[in-house]
C-alpha atoms as a PDB file:
ATOM      1  CA  MET A   1      28.347-112.796 -32.054  1.00  0.00           C
ATOM      2  CA  ARG A   2      26.110-109.987 -31.065  1.00  0.00           C
ATOM      3  CA  CYS A   3      25.867-108.508 -27.751  1.00  0.00           C
ATOM      4  CA  CYS A   4      22.043-107.835 -26.663  1.00  0.00           C
ATOM      5  CA  GLY A   5      23.061-104.500 -25.258  1.00  0.00           C
ATOM      6  CA  SER A   6      25.221-103.062 -28.024  1.00  0.00           C
ATOM      7  CA  PRO A   7      24.590-102.826 -31.817  1.00  0.00           C
ATOM      8  CA  THR A   8      28.077-103.363 -32.541  1.00  0.00           C
ATOM      9  CA  ILE A   9      28.731-107.062 -34.103  1.00  0.00           C
ATOM     10  CA  SER A  10      32.123-108.982 -33.257  1.00  0.00           C
ATOM     11  CA  THR A  11      33.575-111.885 -34.591  1.00  0.00           C
ATOM     12  CA  ALA A  12      35.567-114.618 -32.635  1.00  0.00           C
ATOM     13  CA  ALA A  13      38.225-116.649 -34.517  1.00  0.00           C
ATOM     14  CA  GLU A  14      37.203-120.506 -34.528  1.00  0.00           C
ATOM     15  CA  PRO A  15      39.663-122.799 -33.050  1.00  0.00           C
ATOM     16  CA  PRO A  16      41.532-124.813 -36.016  1.00  0.00           C
ATOM     17  CA  ALA A  17      40.134-128.399 -36.336  1.00  0.00           C
ATOM     18  CA  PRO A  18      42.534-131.351 -35.090  1.00  0.00           C
ATOM     19  CA  PRO A  19      44.241-133.166 -38.057  1.00  0.00           C
ATOM     20  CA  ALA A  20      42.738-136.326 -39.341  1.00  0.00           C
ATOM     21  CA  PRO A  21      44.678-139.643 -38.274  1.00  0.00           C
ATOM     22  CA  ARG A  22      46.871-140.938 -40.907  1.00  0.00           C
ATOM     23  CA  PRO A  23      45.995-143.976 -42.491  1.00  0.00           C
ATOM     24  CA  GLN A  24      49.478-145.565 -41.223  1.00  0.00           C
ATOM     25  CA  ASP A  25      48.663-144.941 -37.346  1.00  0.00           C
ATOM     26  CA  VAL A  26      44.847-146.523 -38.190  1.00  0.00           C
ATOM     27  CA  LEU A  27      46.648-149.545 -39.456  1.00  0.00           C
ATOM     28  CA  GLU A  28      49.183-149.668 -36.700  1.00  0.00           C
ATOM     29  CA  ALA A  29      46.302-149.540 -34.114  1.00  0.00           C
ATOM     30  CA  LEU A  30      44.313-152.397 -35.868  1.00  0.00           C
ATOM     31  CA  LEU A  31      47.596-154.577 -36.008  1.00  0.00           C
ATOM     32  CA  PHE A  32      48.280-153.570 -32.264  1.00  0.00           C
ATOM     33  CA  ARG A  33      44.614-155.048 -31.499  1.00  0.00           C
ATOM     34  CA  GLU A  34      45.122-158.172 -33.499  1.00  0.00           C
ATOM     35  CA  ILE A  35      48.240-159.136 -31.878  1.00  0.00           C
ATOM     36  CA  LEU A  36      47.087-158.390 -28.325  1.00  0.00           C
ATOM     37  CA  LYS A  37      43.846-159.878 -28.886  1.00  0.00           C
ATOM     38  CA  PRO A  38      44.266-163.408 -27.136  1.00  0.00           C
ATOM     39  CA  LEU A  39      45.422-161.414 -24.140  1.00  0.00           C
ATOM     40  CA  ALA A  40      42.249-159.658 -23.984  1.00  0.00           C
ATOM     41  CA  GLN A  41      39.900-162.522 -24.683  1.00  0.00           C
ATOM     42  CA  GLY A  42      40.217-163.768 -21.091  1.00  0.00           C
ATOM     43  CA  LEU A  43      38.806-160.452 -19.817  1.00  0.00           C
ATOM     44  CA  GLY A  44      35.863-160.437 -22.324  1.00  0.00           C
ATOM     45  CA  PRO A  45      33.965-157.272 -23.539  1.00  0.00           C
ATOM     46  CA  VAL A  46      35.965-155.415 -20.795  1.00  0.00           C
ATOM     47  CA  GLY A  47      39.262-156.463 -22.309  1.00  0.00           C
ATOM     48  CA  GLU A  48      38.336-155.713 -25.941  1.00  0.00           C
ATOM     49  CA  ILE A  49      37.035-152.388 -25.081  1.00  0.00           C
ATOM     50  CA  ALA A  50      40.217-151.642 -23.094  1.00  0.00           C
ATOM     51  CA  LEU A  51      42.497-152.798 -25.883  1.00  0.00           C
ATOM     52  CA  GLY A  52      40.616-150.600 -28.280  1.00  0.00           C
ATOM     53  CA  GLU A  53      40.886-147.410 -25.974  1.00  0.00           C
ATOM     54  CA  VAL A  54      44.734-148.123 -25.415  1.00  0.00           C
ATOM     55  CA  ALA A  55      45.337-148.648 -29.243  1.00  0.00           C
ATOM     56  CA  ASP A  56      43.673-145.631 -30.179  1.00  0.00           C
ATOM     57  CA  SER A  57      45.538-143.436 -27.540  1.00  0.00           C
ATOM     58  CA  LEU A  58      48.965-144.783 -28.492  1.00  0.00           C
ATOM     59  CA  PHE A  59      48.609-144.643 -32.489  1.00  0.00           C
ATOM     60  CA  VAL A  60      45.373-142.797 -33.703  1.00  0.00           C
ATOM     61  CA  ARG A  61      44.481-139.723 -31.236  1.00  0.00           C
ATOM     62  CA  VAL A  62      46.115-136.420 -31.492  1.00  0.00           C
ATOM     63  CA  ARG A  63      48.411-135.626 -28.853  1.00  0.00           C
ATOM     64  CA  ARG A  64      48.395-131.999 -27.741  1.00  0.00           C
END
């Protein structure tokens, strides 16, 4: 970064990238979705989206 009023150049450290999800976690999320798919069908597209979000938050997304 460079300040417009100063000839000095400073650098800032980039935050580390979050780790990629493990293949095992992705497989568990897909299995979870397939098991609960009959329950979500009664709600239509909203149920499918909600089920996908729950599965991703439980198994795939990185918790901080």
